[in-house]
Protein backbone atom coordinates (compact mmCIF):
# COMPACT_ATOMS: atom_id res chain seq x y z
CA GLY A 1 15.08 25.26 184.89
CA PHE A 2 12.95 22.84 186.89
CA THR A 3 9.39 23.19 187.97
CA LEU A 4 8.46 23.06 191.64
CA ILE A 5 6.80 19.69 191.05
CA GLU A 6 9.99 18.23 189.56
CA ILE A 7 12.08 19.56 192.44
CA ALA A 8 9.58 18.14 194.94
CA ILE A 9 9.74 14.71 193.27
CA VAL A 10 13.56 14.74 193.42
CA LEU A 11 13.48 15.68 197.12
CA VAL A 12 11.03 12.87 197.84
CA ILE A 13 13.28 10.37 196.04
CA ILE A 14 16.33 11.60 197.98
CA GLY A 15 14.37 11.29 201.22
CA LEU A 16 13.35 7.73 200.41
CA LEU A 17 16.93 6.78 199.55
CA LEU A 18 18.29 8.30 202.77
CA GLY A 19 15.56 6.60 204.76
CA GLY A 20 16.39 3.26 203.18
CA VAL A 21 20.11 3.65 203.92
CA LEU A 22 19.45 4.59 207.55
CA LYS A 23 16.99 1.73 208.00
CA GLY A 24 19.44 -0.69 206.42
CA GLN A 25 22.20 0.43 208.82
CA GLU A 26 19.80 0.03 211.73
CA LEU A 27 19.00 -3.53 210.64
CA ILE A 28 22.72 -4.36 210.32
CA ASN A 29 23.38 -3.02 213.83
CA SER A 30 20.44 -4.96 215.24
CA ALA A 31 21.75 -8.15 213.62
CA LYS A 32 25.20 -7.61 215.20
CA VAL A 33 23.69 -7.11 218.65
CA LYS A 34 21.56 -10.22 218.15
CA ASN A 35 24.65 -12.27 217.21
CA LEU A 36 26.55 -10.98 220.23
CA ALA A 37 23.62 -11.79 222.53
CA THR A 38 23.41 -15.30 221.05
CA ASP A 39 27.03 -15.94 222.09
CA PHE A 40 26.20 -15.16 225.70
CA ARG A 41 23.08 -17.33 225.61
CA ASN A 42 24.63 -20.35 223.86
CA ILE A 43 27.64 -20.98 226.09
CA PRO A 44 25.57 -22.00 229.16
CA VAL A 45 23.84 -24.51 226.86
CA PHE A 46 27.25 -26.09 226.15
CA ILE A 47 27.90 -26.42 229.89
CA TYR A 48 24.56 -27.99 230.71
CA GLY A 49 24.73 -30.27 227.67
CA TYR A 50 28.16 -31.55 228.73
CA GLN A 51 27.02 -32.06 232.32
CA ASP A 52 24.00 -33.97 231.10
CA LYS A 53 26.21 -36.27 228.99
CA PHE A 54 29.16 -36.83 231.29
CA ARG A 55 28.27 -35.55 234.78
CA ALA A 56 31.25 -33.22 234.70
CA LEU A 57 32.22 -29.70 233.68
CA PRO A 58 34.05 -29.13 230.39
CA GLY A 59 37.61 -28.14 231.18
CA ASP A 60 37.29 -29.55 234.71
CA ASP A 61 36.45 -33.13 233.67
CA ALA A 62 38.64 -35.37 235.88
CA THR A 63 38.14 -38.53 233.79
CA LEU A 64 40.06 -37.05 230.86
CA SER A 65 43.41 -37.29 232.66
CA VAL A 66 43.29 -41.11 232.40
CA ALA A 67 43.17 -42.32 228.79
CA ALA A 68 41.56 -45.63 229.70
CA THR A 69 38.52 -43.94 231.25
CA SER A 70 38.33 -40.85 229.06
CA HIS A 71 35.04 -40.46 227.19
CA LEU A 72 36.51 -37.96 224.71
CA THR A 73 39.09 -39.33 222.27
CA GLY A 74 41.88 -36.84 221.77
CA ALA A 75 40.97 -34.67 224.76
CA THR A 76 43.66 -32.86 226.73
CA ALA A 77 43.53 -32.77 230.53
CA CYS A 78 44.99 -29.72 232.25
CA GLY A 79 46.72 -32.00 234.78
CA ALA A 80 46.41 -35.19 236.80
CA VAL A 81 43.62 -35.70 239.32
CA GLY A 82 44.83 -34.49 242.70
CA THR A 83 46.84 -31.59 241.28
CA ALA A 84 45.82 -28.18 242.53
CA THR A 85 46.85 -24.95 240.85
CA ALA A 86 45.12 -21.65 240.24
CA THR A 87 44.25 -22.70 236.69
CA CYS A 88 43.91 -26.49 237.05
CA THR A 89 42.20 -28.59 239.71
CA PRO A 90 40.38 -31.38 237.85
CA GLY A 91 37.07 -32.47 239.33
CA ASN A 92 36.60 -29.62 241.80
CA GLY A 93 33.41 -28.38 240.13
CA LEU A 94 34.94 -25.12 238.91
CA ILE A 95 36.28 -23.92 235.57
CA ASN A 96 39.64 -22.82 236.94
CA GLY A 97 41.72 -20.13 235.28
CA THR A 98 40.63 -16.84 233.78
CA TRP A 99 38.54 -16.30 230.68
CA ASN A 100 41.49 -14.87 228.71
CA ASP A 101 44.00 -17.63 229.59
CA TYR A 102 46.21 -19.06 226.86
CA SER A 103 47.55 -22.27 228.32
CA ALA A 104 47.11 -26.04 227.96
CA THR A 105 47.12 -26.19 231.77
CA SER A 106 44.12 -23.87 232.12
CA GLU A 107 40.63 -25.33 232.41
CA ALA A 108 39.21 -22.10 230.97
CA TYR A 109 41.22 -22.62 227.77
CA LEU A 110 40.57 -26.38 227.48
CA PHE A 111 36.83 -25.81 227.97
CA TRP A 112 36.54 -25.15 224.23
CA GLN A 113 38.26 -28.37 223.20
CA HIS A 114 36.03 -30.44 225.47
CA VAL A 115 32.69 -28.99 224.32
CA ARG A 116 33.75 -29.43 220.69
CA LEU A 117 34.85 -33.04 221.14
CA ALA A 118 31.53 -33.65 222.90
CA GLY A 119 29.76 -32.52 219.73
CA LEU A 120 28.15 -29.49 221.36
CA THR A 121 29.67 -26.88 219.07
CA SER A 122 32.03 -26.61 216.11
CA GLY A 123 35.64 -25.51 215.96
CA PRO A 124 39.21 -26.87 216.17
CA THR A 125 39.85 -29.71 218.63
CA VAL A 126 43.62 -30.00 218.27
CA LEU A 127 45.53 -27.52 220.43
CA PRO A 128 47.52 -25.02 218.38
CA ALA A 129 51.29 -24.80 218.50
CA PRO A 130 52.28 -22.42 219.85
CA ILE A 131 49.39 -21.47 222.11
CA GLY A 132 48.95 -17.73 222.46
CA ALA A 133 46.84 -14.67 221.74
CA GLY A 134 45.34 -14.87 218.27
CA ASP A 135 46.01 -18.60 217.92
CA GLY A 136 42.46 -19.11 216.58
CA PHE A 137 41.47 -21.75 219.14
CA ARG A 138 38.87 -19.85 221.13
CA PRO A 139 35.70 -18.76 219.26
CA VAL A 140 35.29 -15.16 218.14
CA ASN A 141 32.29 -12.87 218.35
CA ALA A 142 30.71 -10.85 215.54
CA ALA A 143 33.29 -8.12 216.18
CA GLY A 144 36.29 -10.48 215.97
CA GLY A 145 37.00 -10.59 219.70
CA GLU A 146 37.91 -13.95 221.27
CA ILE A 147 35.23 -15.21 223.68
CA GLY A 148 36.15 -16.78 227.02
CA ILE A 149 34.60 -18.31 230.13
CA GLN A 150 35.59 -18.90 233.74
CA SER A 151 33.90 -19.72 237.02
CA GLY A 152 32.70 -16.89 239.21
CA THR A 153 34.96 -16.09 242.13
CA SER A 154 35.03 -14.08 245.34
CA ALA A 155 38.84 -13.97 245.37
CA VAL A 156 39.85 -10.32 245.20
CA GLY A 157 41.46 -9.45 241.89
CA GLN A 158 40.43 -12.71 240.18
CA SER A 159 36.99 -11.62 238.97
CA PRO A 160 36.96 -10.28 235.39
CA LEU A 161 35.15 -7.05 236.33
CA TYR A 162 34.24 -5.06 239.42
CA ALA A 163 31.59 -2.44 239.99
CA ASP A 164 33.90 -0.43 242.26
CA ALA A 165 37.57 0.52 242.41
CA ALA A 166 37.94 -1.03 245.87
CA LYS A 167 37.06 -4.43 244.33
CA LEU A 168 34.31 -5.09 246.84
CA LEU A 169 31.58 -5.65 244.23
CA PRO A 170 32.68 -8.25 241.64
CA ILE A 171 30.46 -9.36 238.78
CA ARG A 172 28.33 -12.20 240.14
CA GLY A 173 27.58 -15.58 238.63
CA THR A 174 28.41 -19.29 238.72
CA TYR A 175 30.02 -18.85 235.30
CA ILE A 176 31.23 -15.63 233.73
CA ILE A 177 31.43 -15.21 229.95
CA CYS A 178 33.50 -12.37 228.51
CA SER A 179 33.48 -11.05 224.96
CA PRO A 180 35.86 -8.22 223.90
CA ASN A 181 36.07 -5.66 221.06
CA ILE A 182 32.38 -4.72 221.25
CA LEU A 183 31.45 -1.16 220.25
CA GLY A 184 30.18 0.96 223.11
CA LYS A 185 26.78 1.46 221.51
CA PHE A 186 26.38 -2.32 221.20
CA ALA A 187 27.54 -2.84 224.79
CA LYS A 188 24.72 -0.56 225.97
CA GLN A 189 22.15 -2.41 223.86
CA LEU A 190 23.35 -5.79 225.14
CA ASP A 191 23.00 -4.67 228.74
CA ILE A 192 19.46 -3.48 228.06
CA GLN A 193 18.54 -6.77 226.39
CA LEU A 194 20.23 -9.19 228.78
CA ASP A 195 20.48 -7.35 232.10
CA ASP A 196 19.40 -4.12 233.79
CA GLY A 197 20.75 -1.51 231.37
CA ASN A 198 23.54 -0.52 233.78
CA THR A 199 27.00 -1.37 232.37
CA ALA A 200 28.64 -0.70 235.76
CA GLY A 201 26.58 -3.20 237.77
CA GLY A 202 24.32 -6.22 237.74
CA SER A 203 25.06 -9.50 235.98
CA MET A 204 26.50 -7.80 232.87
CA MET A 205 29.30 -5.21 232.95
CA ALA A 206 31.57 -3.53 230.43
CA THR A 207 35.03 -1.95 230.47
CA LEU A 208 37.38 -0.63 227.77
CA THR A 209 39.15 -3.43 225.90
CA ALA A 210 42.27 -1.29 225.52
CA GLY A 211 44.53 -2.12 228.45
CA TYR A 212 42.07 -4.67 229.85
CA ALA A 213 43.33 -6.87 232.67
CA ILE A 214 41.55 -9.25 235.06
CA GLY A 215 40.08 -7.22 237.92
CA ALA A 216 39.17 -4.17 235.82
CA VAL A 217 36.54 -1.67 236.97
CA ALA A 218 33.35 -1.48 234.90
CA ALA A 219 32.38 1.73 233.10
CA ALA A 220 29.08 3.48 233.78
CA ASN A 221 26.65 4.15 230.94
CA ILE A 222 27.28 7.89 231.05
CA VAL A 223 30.99 7.45 230.30
CA ILE A 224 30.63 4.73 227.65
CA ASP A 225 32.09 6.01 224.37
CA GLU A 226 29.84 4.58 221.66
CA ALA A 227 32.72 4.58 219.16
CA ALA A 228 35.27 2.84 221.46
CA VAL A 229 35.52 -0.94 221.93
CA TYR A 230 34.66 -2.65 225.21
CA THR A 231 35.00 -6.01 226.90
CA VAL A 232 31.58 -7.15 228.05
CA CYS A 233 31.19 -9.85 230.73
CA MET A 234 28.03 -11.59 231.90
């Protein structure tokens, strides 16, 4: 048999081990949230750095369509100056296209090539062949979801997320960054850190990644499933 003292010592040791495991998991989760938050904070730095260097927006830079005046060797232009499509209008001051575009004629997709060639971040600069989901060109977050950016828009159905089903309250912002495959519990923490703590409103919103399409309706905190994965936009 064991004495009460021996049993008490064993229980204390077990308690310390459990406490250490739980604390370690908490630190891991905090590190993931910090990494995810860093993604949202860094991308505006790329934009402002590019504007400071070249007086243009990455992806929308009109000079890149003419090789003789291009300041980025090897850069791809979405189209010629004067063209006007939903995803490509060089020089209009907008990052045309949607954050989850996969196309060499989308400014939102080419944004990543331009900021890399400008030396603002690392990553591939040669467009993949073929271009498509999972092609490895766009950066990924700590959860493995591909990050994207687009300009804010008031065009109904073109905003990444809405606060209401009638699509009267789109997510607001000059630029909108979206990051998918984020656990619900992390999505809540991100909103608390970077916005107002309400995942269905404000400058940060979240919706289920499964079945996501541009123009989705954001999910309220009370319905967020902490074990499901969400697309978070800010």
